[in-house]
Amino acid sequence: MWFYHKQNYLETMDEKNYKTTDLYLAAFLRLNSQKLKVEKEKGKASFVFKGSEELSKLVNSYLVEEATCNPLAYTNAIKNLKNLIYNM
């Protein structure tokens, strides 16, 4: 199954994994204790999360703009992911 949202970020989801190229969504999910794996192909990073009902709820709350979090922690999560992908 394929999903598109906000500025054509690509997302896929199956029974086991959720994959997105959206750095900001990945930072939000990471901030909410979702473990991730980063894949980099042809200079493009993808973030892979283990699929779960909790993950689906978090993604949905983010996409419908109902999610909340600590702004400073979110900013740090974004910076940490950027450092991770740029140092791969």
PDB file of N, CA and C in Angstrom:
ATOM      1  N   MET A   1       0.839  -1.163   0.000  1.00  0.00           N
ATOM      2  CA  MET A   1       0.000   0.000   0.000  1.00  0.00           C
ATOM      3  C   MET A   1       0.895   1.241   0.000  1.00  0.00           C
ATOM      4  N   TRP A   2       0.565   2.223  -0.823  1.00  0.00           N
ATOM      5  CA  TRP A   2       1.346   3.455  -0.935  1.00  0.00           C
ATOM      6  C   TRP A   2       0.521   4.627  -0.435  1.00  0.00           C
ATOM      7  N   PHE A   3       1.163   5.560   0.209  1.00  0.00           N
ATOM      8  CA  PHE A   3       0.513   6.772   0.685  1.00  0.00           C
ATOM      9  C   PHE A   3       1.338   7.971   0.251  1.00  0.00           C
ATOM     10  N   TYR A   4       0.670   9.038  -0.071  1.00  0.00           N
ATOM     11  CA  TYR A   4       1.358  10.296  -0.339  1.00  0.00           C
ATOM     12  C   TYR A   4       0.749  11.358   0.555  1.00  0.00           C
ATOM     13  N   HIS A   5       1.543  12.242   1.050  1.00  0.00           N
ATOM     14  CA  HIS A   5       1.054  13.352   1.854  1.00  0.00           C
ATOM     15  C   HIS A   5       2.065  14.468   1.790  1.00  0.00           C
ATOM     16  N   LYS A   6       1.668  15.628   2.209  1.00  0.00           N
ATOM     17  CA  LYS A   6       2.549  16.778   2.345  1.00  0.00           C
ATOM     18  C   LYS A   6       3.759  16.767   1.410  1.00  0.00           C
ATOM     19  N   GLN A   7       3.726  17.517   0.398  1.00  0.00           N
ATOM     20  CA  GLN A   7       4.866  17.721  -0.488  1.00  0.00           C
ATOM     21  C   GLN A   7       5.405  16.419  -1.084  1.00  0.00           C
ATOM     22  N   ASN A   8       4.545  15.468  -1.352  1.00  0.00           N
ATOM     23  CA  ASN A   8       4.899  14.227  -2.058  1.00  0.00           C
ATOM     24  C   ASN A   8       5.939  13.355  -1.378  1.00  0.00           C
ATOM     25  N   TYR A   9       5.931  13.311  -0.057  1.00  0.00           N
ATOM     26  CA  TYR A   9       6.776  12.353   0.628  1.00  0.00           C
ATOM     27  C   TYR A   9       6.213  10.968   0.346  1.00  0.00           C
ATOM     28  N   LEU A  10       7.073  10.017   0.131  1.00  0.00           N
ATOM     29  CA  LEU A  10       6.625   8.667  -0.178  1.00  0.00           C
ATOM     30  C   LEU A  10       6.573   7.834   1.090  1.00  0.00           C
ATOM     31  N   GLU A  11       5.475   7.112   1.246  1.00  0.00           N
ATOM     32  CA  GLU A  11       5.310   6.237   2.393  1.00  0.00           C
ATOM     33  C   GLU A  11       4.765   4.896   1.921  1.00  0.00           C
ATOM     34  N   THR A  12       5.214   3.839   2.550  1.00  0.00           N
ATOM     35  CA  THR A  12       4.654   2.515   2.297  1.00  0.00           C
ATOM     36  C   THR A  12       4.389   1.853   3.636  1.00  0.00           C
ATOM     37  N   MET A  13       3.413   0.969   3.636  1.00  0.00           N
ATOM     38  CA  MET A  13       3.104   0.248   4.868  1.00  0.00           C
ATOM     39  C   MET A  13       2.644  -1.150   4.498  1.00  0.00           C
ATOM     40  N   ASP A  14       3.163  -2.121   5.209  1.00  0.00           N
ATOM     41  CA  ASP A  14       2.662  -3.483   5.099  1.00  0.00           C
ATOM     42  C   ASP A  14       2.416  -3.979   6.514  1.00  0.00           C
ATOM     43  N   GLU A  15       2.186  -5.261   6.672  1.00  0.00           N
ATOM     44  CA  GLU A  15       1.877  -5.798   7.996  1.00  0.00           C
ATOM     45  C   GLU A  15       3.028  -5.618   8.980  1.00  0.00           C
ATOM     46  N   LYS A  16       4.255  -5.565   8.484  1.00  0.00           N
ATOM     47  CA  LYS A  16       5.412  -5.557   9.370  1.00  0.00           C
ATOM     48  C   LYS A  16       6.106  -4.213   9.490  1.00  0.00           C
ATOM     49  N   ASN A  17       6.101  -3.410   8.433  1.00  0.00           N
ATOM     50  CA  ASN A  17       6.901  -2.191   8.426  1.00  0.00           C
ATOM     51  C   ASN A  17       6.152  -0.989   7.874  1.00  0.00           C
ATOM     52  N   TYR A  18       6.579   0.168   8.329  1.00  0.00           N
ATOM     53  CA  TYR A  18       6.106   1.453   7.818  1.00  0.00           C
ATOM     54  C   TYR A  18       7.350   2.198   7.373  1.00  0.00           C
ATOM     55  N   LYS A  19       7.373   2.643   6.125  1.00  0.00           N
ATOM     56  CA  LYS A  19       8.554   3.289   5.561  1.00  0.00           C
ATOM     57  C   LYS A  19       8.159   4.672   5.051  1.00  0.00           C
ATOM     58  N   THR A  20       8.942   5.680   5.418  1.00  0.00           N
ATOM     59  CA  THR A  20       8.678   7.046   4.973  1.00  0.00           C
ATOM     60  C   THR A  20       9.979   7.770   4.646  1.00  0.00           C
ATOM     61  N   THR A  21       9.887   8.748   3.770  1.00  0.00           N
ATOM     62  CA  THR A  21      11.030   9.617   3.479  1.00  0.00           C
ATOM     63  C   THR A  21      10.877  10.964   4.174  1.00  0.00           C
ATOM     64  N   ASP A  22       9.816  11.129   4.944  1.00  0.00           N
ATOM     65  CA  ASP A  22       9.522  12.386   5.632  1.00  0.00           C
ATOM     66  C   ASP A  22      10.350  12.484   6.926  1.00  0.00           C
ATOM     67  N   LEU A  23      11.372  13.309   6.895  1.00  0.00           N
ATOM     68  CA  LEU A  23      12.254  13.499   8.047  1.00  0.00           C
ATOM     69  C   LEU A  23      11.487  13.966   9.279  1.00  0.00           C
ATOM     70  N   TYR A  24      10.544  14.869   9.085  1.00  0.00           N
ATOM     71  CA  TYR A  24       9.826  15.460  10.215  1.00  0.00           C
ATOM     72  C   TYR A  24       8.856  14.467  10.856  1.00  0.00           C
ATOM     73  N   LEU A  25       8.212  13.647  10.040  1.00  0.00           N
ATOM     74  CA  LEU A  25       7.368  12.582  10.580  1.00  0.00           C
ATOM     75  C   LEU A  25       8.230  11.571  11.324  1.00  0.00           C
ATOM     76  N   ALA A  26       9.363  11.206  10.744  1.00  0.00           N
ATOM     77  CA  ALA A  26      10.271  10.253  11.392  1.00  0.00           C
ATOM     78  C   ALA A  26      10.749  10.788  12.739  1.00  0.00           C
ATOM     79  N   ALA A  27      11.055  12.078  12.802  1.00  0.00           N
ATOM     80  CA  ALA A  27      11.490  12.680  14.071  1.00  0.00           C
ATOM     81  C   ALA A  27      10.367  12.620  15.102  1.00  0.00           C
ATOM     82  N   PHE A  28       9.139  12.895  14.666  1.00  0.00           N
ATOM     83  CA  PHE A  28       7.999  12.816  15.583  1.00  0.00           C
ATOM     84  C   PHE A  28       7.806  11.395  16.101  1.00  0.00           C
ATOM     85  N   LEU A  29       7.901  10.420  15.211  1.00  0.00           N
ATOM     86  CA  LEU A  29       7.729   9.024  15.625  1.00  0.00           C
ATOM     87  C   LEU A  29       8.852   8.597  16.565  1.00  0.00           C
ATOM     88  N   ARG A  30      10.067   8.988  16.250  1.00  0.00           N
ATOM     89  CA  ARG A  30      11.222   8.660  17.105  1.00  0.00           C
ATOM     90  C   ARG A  30      11.055   9.287  18.494  1.00  0.00           C
ATOM     91  N   LEU A  31      10.558  10.503  18.518  1.00  0.00           N
ATOM     92  CA  LEU A  31      10.307  11.198  19.773  1.00  0.00           C
ATOM     93  C   LEU A  31       9.265  10.463  20.622  1.00  0.00           C
ATOM     94  N   ASN A  32       8.393   9.731  19.958  1.00  0.00           N
ATOM     95  CA  ASN A  32       7.356   8.963  20.646  1.00  0.00           C
ATOM     96  C   ASN A  32       7.749   7.499  20.813  1.00  0.00           C
ATOM     97  N   SER A  33       9.045   7.270  20.981  1.00  0.00           N
ATOM     98  CA  SER A  33       9.614   5.957  21.335  1.00  0.00           C
ATOM     99  C   SER A  33       9.452   4.871  20.288  1.00  0.00           C
ATOM    100  N   GLN A  34       9.303   5.262  19.024  1.00  0.00           N
ATOM    101  CA  GLN A  34       9.245   4.273  17.959  1.00  0.00           C
ATOM    102  C   GLN A  34      10.663   4.033  17.438  1.00  0.00           C
ATOM    103  N   LYS A  35      11.075   2.792  17.442  1.00  0.00           N
ATOM    104  CA  LYS A  35      12.421   2.451  16.973  1.00  0.00           C
ATOM    105  C   LYS A  35      12.441   2.484  15.451  1.00  0.00           C
ATOM    106  N   LEU A  36      13.568   2.951  14.914  1.00  0.00           N
ATOM    107  CA  LEU A  36      13.665   3.070  13.472  1.00  0.00           C
ATOM    108  C   LEU A  36      14.963   2.508  12.932  1.00  0.00           C
ATOM    109  N   LYS A  37      14.912   2.226  11.646  1.00  0.00           N
ATOM    110  CA  LYS A  37      16.091   1.825  10.901  1.00  0.00           C
ATOM    111  C   LYS A  37      16.170   2.787   9.720  1.00  0.00           C
ATOM    112  N   VAL A  38      17.364   3.266   9.420  1.00  0.00           N
ATOM    113  CA  VAL A  38      17.544   4.198   8.309  1.00  0.00           C
ATOM    114  C   VAL A  38      18.146   3.444   7.133  1.00  0.00           C
ATOM    115  N   GLU A  39      17.546   3.617   5.970  1.00  0.00           N
ATOM    116  CA  GLU A  39      18.073   3.046   4.731  1.00  0.00           C
ATOM    117  C   GLU A  39      18.422   4.208   3.815  1.00  0.00           C
ATOM    118  N   LYS A  40      19.555   4.122   3.166  1.00  0.00           N
ATOM    119  CA  LYS A  40      19.966   5.185   2.252  1.00  0.00           C
ATOM    120  C   LYS A  40      20.287   4.563   0.907  1.00  0.00           C
ATOM    121  N   GLU A  41      19.609   5.069  -0.122  1.00  0.00           N
ATOM    122  CA  GLU A  41      19.824   4.558  -1.469  1.00  0.00           C
ATOM    123  C   GLU A  41      19.872   5.733  -2.435  1.00  0.00           C
ATOM    124  N   LYS A  42      20.929   5.795  -3.215  1.00  0.00           N
ATOM    125  CA  LYS A  42      21.134   6.873  -4.178  1.00  0.00           C
ATOM    126  C   LYS A  42      21.022   8.249  -3.523  1.00  0.00           C
ATOM    127  N   GLY A  43      21.573   8.364  -2.321  1.00  0.00           N
ATOM    128  CA  GLY A  43      21.586   9.636  -1.621  1.00  0.00           C
ATOM    129  C   GLY A  43      20.279  10.025  -0.957  1.00  0.00           C
ATOM    130  N   LYS A  44      19.267   9.174  -1.026  1.00  0.00           N
ATOM    131  CA  LYS A  44      17.952   9.463  -0.433  1.00  0.00           C
ATOM    132  C   LYS A  44      17.736   8.564   0.774  1.00  0.00           C
ATOM    133  N   ALA A  45      17.422   9.171   1.901  1.00  0.00           N
ATOM    134  CA  ALA A  45      17.207   8.407   3.133  1.00  0.00           C
ATOM    135  C   ALA A  45      15.735   8.031   3.279  1.00  0.00           C
ATOM    136  N   SER A  46      15.511   6.822   3.760  1.00  0.00           N
ATOM    137  CA  SER A  46      14.176   6.343   4.121  1.00  0.00           C
ATOM    138  C   SER A  46      14.237   5.874   5.559  1.00  0.00           C
ATOM    139  N   PHE A  47      13.151   6.077   6.278  1.00  0.00           N
ATOM    140  CA  PHE A  47      13.065   5.691   7.673  1.00  0.00           C
ATOM    141  C   PHE A  47      12.058   4.560   7.787  1.00  0.00           C
ATOM    142  N   VAL A  48      12.484   3.445   8.366  1.00  0.00           N
ATOM    143  CA  VAL A  48      11.646   2.252   8.453  1.00  0.00           C
ATOM    144  C   VAL A  48      11.329   1.986   9.922  1.00  0.00           C
ATOM    145  N   PHE A  49      10.041   1.858  10.201  1.00  0.00           N
ATOM    146  CA  PHE A  49       9.558   1.589  11.548  1.00  0.00           C
ATOM    147  C   PHE A  49       8.817   0.261  11.558  1.00  0.00           C
ATOM    148  N   LYS A  50       8.870  -0.419  12.676  1.00  0.00           N
ATOM    149  CA  LYS A  50       8.123  -1.660  12.830  1.00  0.00           C
ATOM    150  C   LYS A  50       6.642  -1.312  12.946  1.00  0.00           C
ATOM    151  N   GLY A  51       5.827  -1.917  12.104  1.00  0.00           N
ATOM    152  CA  GLY A  51       4.398  -1.636  12.095  1.00  0.00           C
ATOM    153  C   GLY A  51       3.713  -2.076  13.377  1.00  0.00           C
ATOM    154  N   SER A  52       2.787  -1.252  13.846  1.00  0.00           N
ATOM    155  CA  SER A  52       1.993  -1.581  15.032  1.00  0.00           C
ATOM    156  C   SER A  52       0.762  -0.684  15.041  1.00  0.00           C
ATOM    157  N   GLU A  53      -0.183  -1.024  15.886  1.00  0.00           N
ATOM    158  CA  GLU A  53      -1.382  -0.193  16.016  1.00  0.00           C
ATOM    159  C   GLU A  53      -1.016   1.171  16.589  1.00  0.00           C
ATOM    160  N   GLU A  54      -0.099   1.195  17.553  1.00  0.00           N
ATOM    161  CA  GLU A  54       0.342   2.465  18.140  1.00  0.00           C
ATOM    162  C   GLU A  54       0.993   3.352  17.076  1.00  0.00           C
ATOM    163  N   LEU A  55       1.829   2.750  16.233  1.00  0.00           N
ATOM    164  CA  LEU A  55       2.481   3.509  15.164  1.00  0.00           C
ATOM    165  C   LEU A  55       1.433   4.108  14.230  1.00  0.00           C
ATOM    166  N   SER A  56       0.448   3.317  13.845  1.00  0.00           N
ATOM    167  CA  SER A  56      -0.612   3.815  12.960  1.00  0.00           C
ATOM    168  C   SER A  56      -1.341   4.999  13.572  1.00  0.00           C
ATOM    169  N   LYS A  57      -1.623   4.932  14.858  1.00  0.00           N
ATOM    170  CA  LYS A  57      -2.300   6.036  15.540  1.00  0.00           C
ATOM    171  C   LYS A  57      -1.432   7.291  15.563  1.00  0.00           C
ATOM    172  N   LEU A  58      -0.129   7.108  15.809  1.00  0.00           N
ATOM    173  CA  LEU A  58       0.784   8.256  15.823  1.00  0.00           C
ATOM    174  C   LEU A  58       0.880   8.902  14.446  1.00  0.00           C
ATOM    175  N   VAL A  59       1.008   8.088  13.402  1.00  0.00           N
ATOM    176  CA  VAL A  59       1.094   8.611  12.035  1.00  0.00           C
ATOM    177  C   VAL A  59      -0.180   9.367  11.701  1.00  0.00           C
ATOM    178  N   ASN A  60      -1.313   8.780  12.025  1.00  0.00           N
ATOM    179  CA  ASN A  60      -2.587   9.426  11.731  1.00  0.00           C
ATOM    180  C   ASN A  60      -2.708  10.760  12.465  1.00  0.00           C
ATOM    181  N   SER A  61      -2.347  10.791  13.739  1.00  0.00           N
ATOM    182  CA  SER A  61      -2.452  12.049  14.499  1.00  0.00           C
ATOM    183  C   SER A  61      -1.526  13.120  13.919  1.00  0.00           C
ATOM    184  N   TYR A  62      -0.357  12.714  13.427  1.00  0.00           N
ATOM    185  CA  TYR A  62       0.572  13.651  12.800  1.00  0.00           C
ATOM    186  C   TYR A  62      -0.009  14.186  11.485  1.00  0.00           C
ATOM    187  N   LEU A  63      -0.538  13.293  10.665  1.00  0.00           N
ATOM    188  CA  LEU A  63      -1.027  13.684   9.345  1.00  0.00           C
ATOM    189  C   LEU A  63      -2.271  14.561   9.402  1.00  0.00           C
ATOM    190  N   VAL A  64      -3.090  14.385  10.416  1.00  0.00           N
ATOM    191  CA  VAL A  64      -4.289  15.228  10.539  1.00  0.00           C
ATOM    192  C   VAL A  64      -4.032  16.436  11.447  1.00  0.00           C
ATOM    193  N   GLU A  65      -2.772  16.639  11.774  1.00  0.00           N
ATOM    194  CA  GLU A  65      -2.309  17.800  12.543  1.00  0.00           C
ATOM    195  C   GLU A  65      -2.942  17.907  13.930  1.00  0.00           C
ATOM    196  N   GLU A  66      -3.118  16.748  14.573  1.00  0.00           N
ATOM    197  CA  GLU A  66      -3.619  16.716  15.948  1.00  0.00           C
ATOM    198  C   GLU A  66      -2.528  16.320  16.941  1.00  0.00           C
ATOM    199  N   ALA A  67      -1.362  15.971  16.455  1.00  0.00           N
ATOM    200  CA  ALA A  67      -0.267  15.516  17.317  1.00  0.00           C
ATOM    201  C   ALA A  67       0.342  16.696  18.075  1.00  0.00           C
ATOM    202  N   THR A  68       0.805  16.399  19.285  1.00  0.00           N
ATOM    203  CA  THR A  68       1.510  17.408  20.073  1.00  0.00           C
ATOM    204  C   THR A  68       2.787  16.788  20.632  1.00  0.00           C
ATOM    205  N   CYS A  69       3.764  17.658  20.887  1.00  0.00           N
ATOM    206  CA  CYS A  69       5.010  17.196  21.488  1.00  0.00           C
ATOM    207  C   CYS A  69       5.761  18.411  22.029  1.00  0.00           C
ATOM    208  N   ASN A  70       6.822  18.130  22.751  1.00  0.00           N
ATOM    209  CA  ASN A  70       7.674  19.179  23.281  1.00  0.00           C
ATOM    210  C   ASN A  70       8.492  19.766  22.123  1.00  0.00           C
ATOM    211  N   PRO A  71       8.379  21.074  21.860  1.00  0.00           N
ATOM    212  CA  PRO A  71       9.076  21.669  20.718  1.00  0.00           C
ATOM    213  C   PRO A  71      10.599  21.498  20.747  1.00  0.00           C
ATOM    214  N   LEU A  72      11.212  21.660  21.908  1.00  0.00           N
ATOM    215  CA  LEU A  72      12.661  21.523  22.005  1.00  0.00           C
ATOM    216  C   LEU A  72      13.089  20.082  21.740  1.00  0.00           C
ATOM    217  N   ALA A  73      12.366  19.129  22.282  1.00  0.00           N
ATOM    218  CA  ALA A  73      12.684  17.721  22.047  1.00  0.00           C
ATOM    219  C   ALA A  73      12.498  17.369  20.569  1.00  0.00           C
ATOM    220  N   TYR A  74      11.460  17.921  19.935  1.00  0.00           N
ATOM    221  CA  TYR A  74      11.214  17.674  18.511  1.00  0.00           C
ATOM    222  C   TYR A  74      12.354  18.241  17.661  1.00  0.00           C
ATOM    223  N   THR A  75      12.781  19.450  17.982  1.00  0.00           N
ATOM    224  CA  THR A  75      13.904  20.062  17.262  1.00  0.00           C
ATOM    225  C   THR A  75      15.165  19.216  17.399  1.00  0.00           C
ATOM    226  N   ASN A  76      15.426  18.726  18.593  1.00  0.00           N
ATOM    227  CA  ASN A  76      16.596  17.867  18.815  1.00  0.00           C
ATOM    228  C   ASN A  76      16.482  16.546  18.066  1.00  0.00           C
ATOM    229  N   ALA A  77      15.280  15.984  17.994  1.00  0.00           N
ATOM    230  CA  ALA A  77      15.074  14.734  17.255  1.00  0.00           C
ATOM    231  C   ALA A  77      15.364  14.949  15.769  1.00  0.00           C
ATOM    232  N   ILE A  78      14.945  16.085  15.220  1.00  0.00           N
ATOM    233  CA  ILE A  78      15.224  16.411  13.814  1.00  0.00           C
ATOM    234  C   ILE A  78      16.728  16.528  13.594  1.00  0.00           C
ATOM    235  N   LYS A  79      17.397  17.251  14.463  1.00  0.00           N
ATOM    236  CA  LYS A  79      18.854  17.421  14.340  1.00  0.00           C
ATOM    237  C   LYS A  79      19.575  16.076  14.427  1.00  0.00           C
ATOM    238  N   ASN A  80      19.152  15.229  15.350  1.00  0.00           N
ATOM    239  CA  ASN A  80      19.787  13.914  15.503  1.00  0.00           C
ATOM    240  C   ASN A  80      19.600  13.049  14.257  1.00  0.00           C
ATOM    241  N   LEU A  81      18.409  13.079  13.666  1.00  0.00           N
ATOM    242  CA  LEU A  81      18.186  12.299  12.446  1.00  0.00           C
ATOM    243  C   LEU A  81      19.007  12.849  11.280  1.00  0.00           C
ATOM    244  N   LYS A  82      19.087  14.167  11.175  1.00  0.00           N
ATOM    245  CA  LYS A  82      19.910  14.764  10.117  1.00  0.00           C
ATOM    246  C   LYS A  82      21.368  14.334  10.266  1.00  0.00           C
ATOM    247  N   ASN A  83      21.886  14.389  11.494  1.00  0.00           N
ATOM    248  CA  ASN A  83      23.261  13.950  11.725  1.00  0.00           C
ATOM    249  C   ASN A  83      23.445  12.491  11.348  1.00  0.00           C
ATOM    250  N   LEU A  84      22.473  11.676  11.694  1.00  0.00           N
ATOM    251  CA  LEU A  84      22.537  10.255  11.378  1.00  0.00           C
ATOM    252  C   LEU A  84      22.603  10.017   9.873  1.00  0.00           C
ATOM    253  N   ILE A  85      21.724  10.653   9.110  1.00  0.00           N
ATOM    254  CA  ILE A  85      21.696  10.379   7.672  1.00  0.00           C
ATOM    255  C   ILE A  85      22.883  11.013   6.935  1.00  0.00           C
ATOM    256  N   TYR A  86      23.353  12.142   7.395  1.00  0.00           N
ATOM    257  CA  TYR A  86      24.480  12.777   6.727  1.00  0.00           C
ATOM    258  C   TYR A  86      25.809  12.121   7.037  1.00  0.00           C
ATOM    259  N   ASN A  87      25.877  11.350   8.116  1.00  0.00           N
ATOM    260  CA  ASN A  87      27.105  10.655   8.473  1.00  0.00           C
ATOM    261  C   ASN A  87      27.090   9.184   8.102  1.00  0.00           C
ATOM    262  N   MET A  88      26.157   8.785   7.273  1.00  0.00           N
ATOM    263  CA  MET A  88      26.085   7.378   6.833  1.00  0.00           C
ATOM    264  C   MET A  88      27.068   7.127   5.712  1.00  0.00           C
TER     265      MET A  88
END
